[in-house]
Each structure stands twice: as C-alpha cells, then as structure tokens.
Amino acid sequence: MTALTDDAARARITTDLDATLFVEAGAGSGKTRSLVDRVVALVRSGIAMREIAAITFTEKAAAELLDRIRRRCETEANAGDPRFRTALEQVDAAAICTLHAFAQRILTEHPIEALLPPNVEVLDEVASQIAFEQRWRQFRDRLLDDARLERTVLLALAAGVRLDDIRHLASVLGDNWDLVADKQRLPWDRVEPDPCDASEIIARGTALLGRRSECSDPDDKLAIYLDDQIAPYLEQLGAAADEYAVLELLMRRKPTFSSRAGRKTNWRDKQGILDELSAIGACRQRLVDEVARQTVQRIALEVADFTMTAAAERRAGGRLEFHDLLVLARELLRDDEHGVGVRRALQRRYRRLLLDEFQDTDPIQVELAVLIAADDPD
C-alpha cells in the first residue's frame, strides 16, 4: 500500500502523547479516527479512561465517538490487554460527550462554588423556547404598561419598529446573555429619545417650492408634482398635532420626493431641483431612522435587564439552558475565589483533554480549553 504523505504526522498523534497537538485536515481525512487512535494509545500508555475527556459538538457526534472508542477497547480487551477491560468498565461514564455536557459535569461536580442549587435541570431546545415565550409575553405586557416608556414605545411603533422586532432582539440577547453583561456592548444611557422635529424638512421643502417660479411652463409635470404632491404634504407636516402624527406622515410612501417629470428646457436648473427634492427625501428617511435608532436603544436597555434577570432566575432555580452551561462553567473557572481550586481539581481528574472539531471562532470553547489545560492553574 502506498504510504501517505502525512504518515509521520498521523503517527505522531499516537506516539507523542505528552504534547499538545493541533490536527488540521479536510473533511473525510480521518481526524476523528486519529482521535480514537490517540485515546487507545493513551489507555495503552497507562492513562485511565476516566482520566480522559474527549469533547465534540453534537449529541450525534458524541454518540458516534463513544461507540467507536468502545469498539476499539473491546477489540483490545479481547486481545487480552487488561487495561482495556478496565477501560470498558469506565467508558460509559467517561467524559466522552459534547462541550455542553462537559460544562454540565463541571457545574454538577462543583455546585456550591457555581452558586447552583443541588438539583440542576437542563432544558432542551423545545423547553427553552417555551420558557422564553412565557417570559417574553410577560415582559411585553410590562413594557406596554410602563408609563415611563410610553412615549418611547409609541415613537418606536410609529417609526416602524414592530413588537416582533423587539422579541427578536430579546431572543438574540438571550442567546448571548454573557455578552449583555458587558456594559461596553450597550454603552448608551437611559435617556428619552429626541423630539421628532420635521422643521428642517418643512424649511427645505418650502424653499424648494419657492423655486417654482424658475419654471417657464405652468403645465410642466415637475411643477405640477411640486404643487399637487409636495406642497400639500408640507402643509400637513406643519399642521401635525404631535410628534406621532409627524412620524405617521414621515412614514408614508408618498410623496416619494423623487421625480423624472418635467422638461429640462422649462427650468433654469431642473437638475438642481431634482437633487434638492432627493435630498429632502433622504432627510425624511434619516429622521425616521434616527427615531427608530434612539427608541430601540432605549428599549434595548430594558430588554437587557429582562435578559439578565431571566439568566439569574434560571441559575437560582437550577433550570439551565445550553448556553447557561458554558457561561457558568467559564465563570466558575475564572472565579477569583474558587477558580484555582476547581481548575486544579479538573486537571487532577482529567489528565488528557481532546477536542474534536475544535472551533477557534468560539471564544467560550477556547477559554474553557485554556483554563482547564493550562500548565499553571494559577
């Protein structure tokens, strides 16, 4: 059989057992098989199966990895190696699991240090979604009933922000609540949105209407557009009863503040008229966008509070979601008071750490690996 060009690298995986290795290869090249080979080599070298943590990403991948390791151990045990008979006795309880399951192990082994109740329940995706919907409905009702936020919410809705948009924001923040805790992620203050003032649009539009006299043909279609569309609109803006009425007018699709009508020869500067018309339309959109931005930022702070309260309640009640497991495990390993002791305990228990499908774009996974495997636990 022809030797592979990476035979030396493959051999190193099963022989260089005291080194930290990163194995990078394409799909189907045998990375998981090499991981299994390394586990077998570690057991053969005297490392107990219970001292090995082999972590992957999905339940399916973890089940497949466990099955492949068990079958290899059976083969070695049948060949008469007592170390693999012991490994078979330990394999089902070994840390061959997903990253979330490994984080759960850390937390359940150190519940007091993690500030968790004795019994912890991990919600699956369906249960987590149901719990979120219940929390969201309660938060939505409070948001709509909060007199302090009445103007902000009304302006947001008038600017086209939907309750579904706020729900989506709550969902995204909930999925990343550890980032929400970082105040630099939401660096703005709890201030009222600025008044919705259309005076610039009215002033520029009025000035534009004043240039109507530059047209030499009273029947010019651009002139008619200014008279029939822009002038009444500006009048309505000026007569709007409040800022909500202003926003309603700004949100209308018509007039579009754009036109190709009119003859160039009828105007002293037709292009200048069209450019200013377009600029006023852009000003209108910026005003709407600014109202939406300010109101969403203000509401986002309330959503952030809701998110952090929910995370604290899940922790206190011991009903954790998948992301909670990672965040709380990392928090425990980082902890100034307990972190060093927990990391030392993990290093004594798990002498070898293997990560299948390592994702260097996942900062929590990277940090958990570093915190557990660092040579200096301090």
Protein backbone atom coordinates (compact mmCIF):
# COMPACT_ATOMS: atom_id res chain seq x y z
CA MET A 1 0.00 0.00 0.00
CA THR A 2 1.32 3.44 -0.91
CA ALA A 3 2.40 5.48 2.09
CA LEU A 4 0.51 8.70 2.72
CA THR A 5 2.45 11.95 2.66
CA ASP A 6 1.24 12.72 6.19
CA ASP A 7 2.08 9.34 7.70
CA ALA A 8 4.61 10.94 10.04
CA ALA A 9 2.01 13.38 11.33
CA ARG A 10 -0.55 10.60 11.79
CA ALA A 11 2.00 8.53 13.67
CA ARG A 12 2.83 11.44 15.96
CA ILE A 13 -0.82 11.58 17.11
CA THR A 14 -0.44 8.11 18.65
CA THR A 15 3.14 8.42 19.87
CA ASP A 16 3.69 12.00 21.07
CA LEU A 17 1.25 11.61 23.95
CA ASP A 18 2.66 14.29 26.26
CA ALA A 19 2.49 17.12 23.73
CA THR A 20 -0.36 19.46 22.87
CA LEU A 21 -1.24 18.85 19.22
CA PHE A 22 -3.48 20.67 16.77
CA VAL A 23 -4.63 18.45 13.93
CA GLU A 24 -5.92 20.26 10.86
CA ALA A 25 -7.20 18.35 7.84
CA GLY A 26 -10.08 18.28 5.40
CA ALA A 27 -13.39 16.52 5.76
CA GLY A 28 -13.16 12.73 5.44
CA SER A 29 -9.40 12.63 6.03
CA GLY A 30 -9.68 10.67 9.27
CA LYS A 31 -9.41 13.28 12.05
CA THR A 32 -11.92 11.52 14.30
CA ARG A 33 -10.27 8.16 13.62
CA SER A 34 -6.95 9.68 14.66
CA LEU A 35 -8.58 10.99 17.83
CA VAL A 36 -9.80 7.46 18.62
CA ASP A 37 -6.29 6.14 17.89
CA ARG A 38 -4.88 8.65 20.38
CA VAL A 39 -7.39 7.59 23.06
CA VAL A 40 -6.38 3.95 22.54
CA ALA A 41 -2.70 4.90 22.72
CA LEU A 42 -3.28 6.88 25.92
CA VAL A 43 -5.00 3.90 27.58
CA ARG A 44 -2.21 1.62 26.44
CA SER A 45 0.30 4.03 27.98
CA GLY A 46 -1.39 3.78 31.36
CA ILE A 47 -3.87 6.68 31.31
CA ALA A 48 -7.21 5.52 32.68
CA MET A 49 -10.31 6.06 30.55
CA ARG A 50 -11.91 8.07 33.37
CA GLU A 51 -8.93 10.45 33.18
CA ILE A 52 -9.57 11.30 29.53
CA ALA A 53 -12.02 13.97 28.34
CA ALA A 54 -12.93 13.68 24.66
CA ILE A 55 -15.26 16.51 23.70
CA THR A 56 -17.19 17.10 20.49
CA PHE A 57 -20.07 19.33 19.40
CA THR A 58 -23.26 17.47 18.67
CA GLU A 59 -25.02 14.67 20.51
CA LYS A 60 -24.82 12.56 17.36
CA ALA A 61 -21.07 13.09 17.03
CA ALA A 62 -20.55 12.33 20.73
CA ALA A 63 -22.56 9.10 20.46
CA GLU A 64 -20.57 8.03 17.41
CA LEU A 65 -17.27 8.88 19.10
CA LEU A 66 -18.24 6.90 22.21
CA ASP A 67 -19.26 3.91 20.09
CA ARG A 68 -16.02 3.92 18.13
CA ILE A 69 -13.92 4.15 21.30
CA ARG A 70 -15.92 1.35 22.94
CA ARG A 71 -15.49 -0.95 19.93
CA ARG A 72 -11.74 -0.31 19.84
CA CYS A 73 -11.49 -1.03 23.55
CA GLU A 74 -13.45 -4.27 23.07
CA THR A 75 -11.02 -5.34 20.36
CA GLU A 76 -8.01 -4.63 22.58
CA ALA A 77 -9.64 -6.28 25.60
CA ASN A 78 -10.45 -9.38 23.57
CA ALA A 79 -6.80 -9.50 22.62
CA GLY A 80 -6.02 -9.95 26.31
CA ASP A 81 -4.98 -6.45 27.43
CA PRO A 82 -6.33 -5.93 30.98
CA ARG A 83 -6.02 -2.14 30.69
CA PHE A 84 -8.78 -2.15 28.08
CA ARG A 85 -11.03 -4.39 30.17
CA THR A 86 -10.84 -1.65 32.82
CA ALA A 87 -11.38 0.97 30.13
CA LEU A 88 -14.54 -0.83 29.02
CA GLU A 89 -15.85 -0.71 32.59
CA GLN A 90 -15.25 3.05 32.66
CA VAL A 91 -16.13 4.11 29.12
CA ASP A 92 -19.87 4.69 29.55
CA ALA A 93 -19.25 7.04 32.47
CA ALA A 94 -16.26 8.70 30.84
CA ALA A 95 -16.26 12.33 29.68
CA ILE A 96 -16.83 11.45 26.03
CA CYS A 97 -19.50 14.00 25.35
CA THR A 98 -20.48 17.35 23.95
CA LEU A 99 -18.94 20.58 25.20
CA HIS A 100 -22.25 21.45 26.89
CA ALA A 101 -22.34 18.09 28.65
CA PHE A 102 -18.77 18.56 29.83
CA ALA A 103 -19.63 22.01 31.15
CA GLN A 104 -22.55 20.42 32.98
CA ARG A 105 -20.15 17.93 34.57
CA ILE A 106 -18.02 20.79 35.85
CA LEU A 107 -21.03 22.55 37.36
CA THR A 108 -22.61 19.48 38.93
CA GLU A 109 -19.28 18.49 40.49
CA HIS A 110 -18.91 21.98 41.99
CA PRO A 111 -22.46 23.27 42.58
CA ILE A 112 -21.66 25.29 45.70
CA GLU A 113 -18.79 27.12 44.03
CA ALA A 114 -21.02 27.71 40.99
CA LEU A 115 -23.84 29.12 43.18
CA LEU A 116 -26.26 26.48 41.94
CA PRO A 117 -28.92 24.53 43.83
CA PRO A 118 -28.28 20.82 44.49
CA ASN A 119 -30.54 19.60 41.68
CA VAL A 120 -29.96 21.12 38.24
CA GLU A 121 -32.23 20.51 35.27
CA VAL A 122 -31.00 21.23 31.74
CA LEU A 123 -33.76 22.35 29.41
CA ASP A 124 -33.72 21.07 25.86
CA GLU A 125 -34.29 23.42 22.94
CA VAL A 126 -38.06 22.95 22.95
CA ALA A 127 -38.40 23.57 26.69
CA SER A 128 -36.07 26.57 26.44
CA GLN A 129 -38.17 28.06 23.65
CA ILE A 130 -41.39 27.55 25.61
CA ALA A 131 -39.85 29.18 28.67
CA PHE A 132 -38.63 32.11 26.55
CA GLU A 133 -42.09 32.64 25.05
CA GLN A 134 -43.62 32.75 28.53
CA ARG A 135 -41.03 35.25 29.73
CA TRP A 136 -41.40 37.32 26.57
CA ARG A 137 -45.16 37.66 26.92
CA GLN A 138 -44.79 38.83 30.49
CA PHE A 139 -42.07 41.30 29.55
CA ARG A 140 -44.03 42.57 26.54
CA ASP A 141 -47.04 43.30 28.73
CA ARG A 142 -44.90 45.12 31.28
CA LEU A 143 -43.21 47.11 28.53
CA LEU A 144 -46.51 48.27 27.07
CA ASP A 145 -47.88 49.15 30.52
CA ASP A 146 -44.80 51.05 31.72
CA ALA A 147 -45.72 54.74 31.90
CA ARG A 148 -42.02 55.70 31.90
CA LEU A 149 -41.59 54.15 28.47
CA GLU A 150 -44.93 55.09 26.93
CA ARG A 151 -43.54 57.83 24.67
CA THR A 152 -40.54 55.73 23.66
CA VAL A 153 -42.66 52.72 22.75
CA LEU A 154 -45.22 54.81 20.85
CA LEU A 155 -42.49 56.55 18.87
CA ALA A 156 -40.83 53.21 18.11
CA LEU A 157 -44.07 51.74 16.82
CA ALA A 158 -44.79 54.87 14.81
CA ALA A 159 -41.28 54.64 13.30
CA GLY A 160 -41.98 51.13 12.05
CA VAL A 161 -40.43 49.12 14.87
CA ARG A 162 -42.63 46.06 15.44
CA LEU A 163 -43.13 44.12 18.61
CA ASP A 164 -41.77 41.14 16.69
CA ASP A 165 -38.55 43.12 16.19
CA ILE A 166 -38.25 43.65 19.94
CA ARG A 167 -38.99 39.97 20.51
CA HIS A 168 -36.21 39.05 18.07
CA LEU A 169 -33.86 41.38 19.95
CA ALA A 170 -34.82 39.68 23.22
CA SER A 171 -34.15 36.28 21.66
CA VAL A 172 -30.71 37.29 20.35
CA LEU A 173 -29.69 38.87 23.65
CA GLY A 174 -30.97 35.82 25.50
CA ASP A 175 -28.80 33.55 23.36
CA ASN A 176 -25.77 35.73 24.16
CA TRP A 177 -26.53 36.92 27.67
CA ASP A 178 -22.92 36.69 28.76
CA LEU A 179 -22.14 39.49 26.30
CA VAL A 180 -25.09 41.53 27.55
CA ALA A 181 -23.45 41.56 30.99
CA ASP A 182 -20.57 43.50 29.40
CA LYS A 183 -21.69 47.13 29.72
CA GLN A 184 -19.49 48.12 26.79
CA ARG A 185 -21.83 46.18 24.50
CA LEU A 186 -24.71 48.59 25.32
CA PRO A 187 -22.81 51.80 26.06
CA TRP A 188 -25.65 54.32 25.85
CA ASP A 189 -27.62 55.96 28.67
CA ARG A 190 -31.27 55.64 29.64
CA VAL A 191 -32.40 58.89 28.04
CA GLU A 192 -35.60 59.93 26.33
CA PRO A 193 -35.49 59.98 22.52
CA ASP A 194 -35.10 63.43 20.98
CA PRO A 195 -38.28 65.19 19.84
CA CYS A 196 -39.37 64.19 16.36
CA ASP A 197 -38.91 67.56 14.66
CA ALA A 198 -39.66 67.92 10.95
CA SER A 199 -38.76 71.61 10.81
CA GLU A 200 -35.75 71.03 8.55
CA ILE A 201 -37.89 69.14 6.04
CA ILE A 202 -40.54 71.86 6.12
CA ALA A 203 -37.97 74.64 5.72
CA ARG A 204 -36.13 73.00 2.84
CA GLY A 205 -39.36 71.97 1.17
CA THR A 206 -40.75 75.48 1.45
CA ALA A 207 -37.57 76.88 -0.07
CA LEU A 208 -37.85 74.36 -2.88
CA LEU A 209 -41.44 75.40 -3.58
CA GLY A 210 -40.16 78.95 -3.81
CA ARG A 211 -38.16 77.91 -6.84
CA ARG A 212 -41.38 77.01 -8.63
CA SER A 213 -41.11 80.39 -10.32
CA GLU A 214 -37.97 79.19 -12.13
CA CYS A 215 -40.23 77.12 -14.40
CA SER A 216 -41.37 78.85 -17.63
CA ASP A 217 -44.23 76.44 -18.37
CA PRO A 218 -47.14 76.30 -15.87
CA ASP A 219 -48.13 72.90 -17.27
CA ASP A 220 -44.71 71.35 -16.71
CA LYS A 221 -45.18 67.99 -14.97
CA LEU A 222 -42.43 68.61 -12.41
CA ALA A 223 -44.04 71.91 -11.46
CA ILE A 224 -47.40 70.16 -11.15
CA TYR A 225 -45.77 67.50 -8.93
CA LEU A 226 -44.43 70.19 -6.61
CA ASP A 227 -47.83 71.89 -6.45
CA ASP A 228 -50.01 68.81 -6.12
CA GLN A 229 -47.80 66.48 -4.05
CA ILE A 230 -45.08 68.33 -2.15
CA ALA A 231 -46.96 71.48 -1.15
CA PRO A 232 -49.93 69.69 0.49
CA TYR A 233 -47.57 67.28 2.24
CA LEU A 234 -45.54 70.08 3.75
CA GLU A 235 -48.74 71.75 4.87
CA GLN A 236 -49.84 68.57 6.61
CA LEU A 237 -46.46 68.26 8.34
CA GLY A 238 -46.70 71.81 9.60
CA ALA A 239 -50.22 71.23 10.94
CA ALA A 240 -49.48 67.85 12.60
CA ALA A 241 -50.89 67.75 16.12
CA ASP A 242 -47.96 65.96 17.75
CA GLU A 243 -44.77 64.05 17.01
CA TYR A 244 -46.65 60.82 16.50
CA ALA A 245 -48.67 62.45 13.71
CA VAL A 246 -45.40 63.81 12.29
CA LEU A 247 -43.93 60.32 12.27
CA GLU A 248 -47.02 58.91 10.62
CA LEU A 249 -46.59 61.42 7.80
CA LEU A 250 -42.86 60.76 7.54
CA MET A 251 -43.55 57.04 7.25
CA ARG A 252 -45.87 57.46 4.26
CA ARG A 253 -44.51 56.20 0.97
CA LYS A 254 -45.92 59.16 -0.88
CA PRO A 255 -44.80 61.65 -1.88
CA THR A 256 -41.60 59.87 -2.85
CA PHE A 257 -39.52 63.04 -3.14
CA SER A 258 -38.21 61.80 -6.46
CA SER A 259 -39.37 62.52 -9.98
CA ARG A 260 -38.28 62.29 -13.60
CA ALA A 261 -41.07 64.53 -14.79
CA GLY A 262 -40.64 67.91 -16.43
CA ARG A 263 -38.70 69.24 -19.36
CA LYS A 264 -35.20 70.49 -18.82
CA THR A 265 -35.78 73.43 -21.15
CA ASN A 266 -38.65 74.65 -18.95
CA TRP A 267 -36.38 75.13 -15.95
CA ARG A 268 -33.49 77.36 -15.14
CA ASP A 269 -31.86 74.46 -13.21
CA LYS A 270 -34.01 71.34 -13.34
CA GLN A 271 -31.23 69.07 -12.06
CA GLY A 272 -30.76 71.30 -9.04
CA ILE A 273 -34.50 71.00 -8.30
CA LEU A 274 -34.35 67.19 -8.56
CA ASP A 275 -31.22 66.98 -6.41
CA GLU A 276 -32.80 69.06 -3.64
CA LEU A 277 -36.00 67.05 -3.88
CA SER A 278 -33.99 63.84 -3.41
CA ALA A 279 -32.02 65.40 -0.54
CA ILE A 280 -35.24 66.28 1.27
CA GLY A 281 -36.44 62.70 0.84
CA ALA A 282 -33.16 61.44 2.30
CA CYS A 283 -33.55 63.86 5.20
CA ARG A 284 -37.01 62.45 5.85
CA GLN A 285 -35.62 58.90 5.94
CA ARG A 286 -32.75 59.91 8.25
CA LEU A 287 -35.22 61.42 10.69
CA VAL A 288 -37.28 58.23 10.76
CA ASP A 289 -34.13 56.12 11.12
CA GLU A 290 -32.87 58.28 13.97
CA VAL A 291 -36.16 57.97 15.85
CA ALA A 292 -36.04 54.19 15.37
CA ARG A 293 -32.41 54.03 16.50
CA GLN A 294 -32.93 56.08 19.65
CA THR A 295 -36.09 54.28 20.67
CA VAL A 296 -34.64 50.82 20.03
CA GLN A 297 -31.53 51.70 22.03
CA ARG A 298 -33.67 52.80 24.94
CA ILE A 299 -35.84 49.69 24.73
CA ALA A 300 -32.75 47.50 24.34
CA LEU A 301 -31.63 48.51 27.83
CA GLU A 302 -34.94 47.24 29.20
CA VAL A 303 -34.53 44.05 27.18
CA ALA A 304 -31.01 43.68 28.59
CA ASP A 305 -32.36 43.94 32.14
CA PHE A 306 -35.03 41.38 31.27
CA THR A 307 -32.35 39.09 29.82
CA MET A 308 -30.05 39.27 32.84
CA THR A 309 -32.94 38.80 35.27
CA ALA A 310 -34.02 35.68 33.38
CA ALA A 311 -30.47 34.30 33.46
CA ALA A 312 -30.26 34.92 37.22
CA GLU A 313 -33.62 33.24 37.78
CA ARG A 314 -32.57 30.18 35.77
CA ARG A 315 -29.42 29.93 37.84
CA ALA A 316 -31.22 30.33 41.16
CA GLY A 317 -33.88 27.80 40.14
CA GLY A 318 -31.41 25.33 38.67
CA ARG A 319 -33.25 25.23 35.33
CA LEU A 320 -30.44 25.93 32.90
CA GLU A 321 -30.31 26.26 29.13
CA PHE A 322 -27.46 25.02 26.96
CA HIS A 323 -25.74 28.40 26.75
CA ASP A 324 -26.01 28.81 30.53
CA LEU A 325 -23.87 25.70 30.96
CA LEU A 326 -20.97 27.16 29.00
CA VAL A 327 -21.19 30.62 30.53
CA LEU A 328 -21.50 29.42 34.12
CA ALA A 329 -18.72 26.86 33.70
CA ARG A 330 -16.41 29.54 32.33
CA GLU A 331 -17.43 31.90 35.13
CA LEU A 332 -16.63 29.22 37.68
CA LEU A 333 -13.21 28.54 36.18
CA ARG A 334 -12.50 32.29 36.09
CA ASP A 335 -13.73 32.91 39.63
CA ASP A 336 -11.21 34.72 41.84
CA GLU A 337 -12.16 32.74 44.93
CA HIS A 338 -12.88 29.26 43.63
CA GLY A 339 -11.42 29.17 40.14
CA VAL A 340 -7.92 27.99 41.02
CA GLY A 341 -9.19 25.15 43.17
CA VAL A 342 -11.70 23.99 40.56
CA ARG A 343 -9.11 24.11 37.78
CA ARG A 344 -6.65 22.11 39.86
CA ALA A 345 -9.34 19.52 40.63
CA LEU A 346 -10.17 19.21 36.92
CA GLN A 347 -6.51 18.80 36.00
CA ARG A 348 -6.11 16.05 38.58
CA ARG A 349 -9.21 14.28 37.30
CA TYR A 350 -8.72 14.74 33.55
CA ARG A 351 -5.11 14.18 32.62
CA ARG A 352 -5.79 14.44 28.89
CA LEU A 353 -8.19 16.73 27.04
CA LEU A 354 -9.14 16.06 23.41
CA LEU A 355 -11.39 18.35 21.39
CA ASP A 356 -12.96 17.03 18.21
CA GLU A 357 -13.89 19.68 15.63
CA PHE A 358 -12.18 22.41 17.63
CA GLN A 359 -13.69 25.80 16.76
CA ASP A 360 -11.29 28.69 17.22
CA THR A 361 -14.12 31.08 16.39
CA ASP A 362 -15.95 30.11 19.59
CA PRO A 363 -14.38 32.19 22.38
CA ILE A 364 -16.07 30.27 25.19
CA GLN A 365 -14.75 26.93 23.92
CA VAL A 366 -11.26 28.35 23.53
CA GLU A 367 -11.27 29.83 27.00
CA LEU A 368 -12.65 26.69 28.65
CA ALA A 369 -9.91 24.64 27.00
CA VAL A 370 -7.20 27.07 28.08
CA LEU A 371 -8.49 27.35 31.64
CA ILE A 372 -8.66 23.57 32.05
CA ALA A 373 -5.45 22.61 30.25
CA ALA A 374 -3.07 25.43 31.22
CA ASP A 375 0.18 24.16 32.74
CA ASP A 376 -0.05 26.74 35.53
CA PRO A 377 -3.50 26.53 37.14
CA ASP A 378 -2.83 29.79 39.00
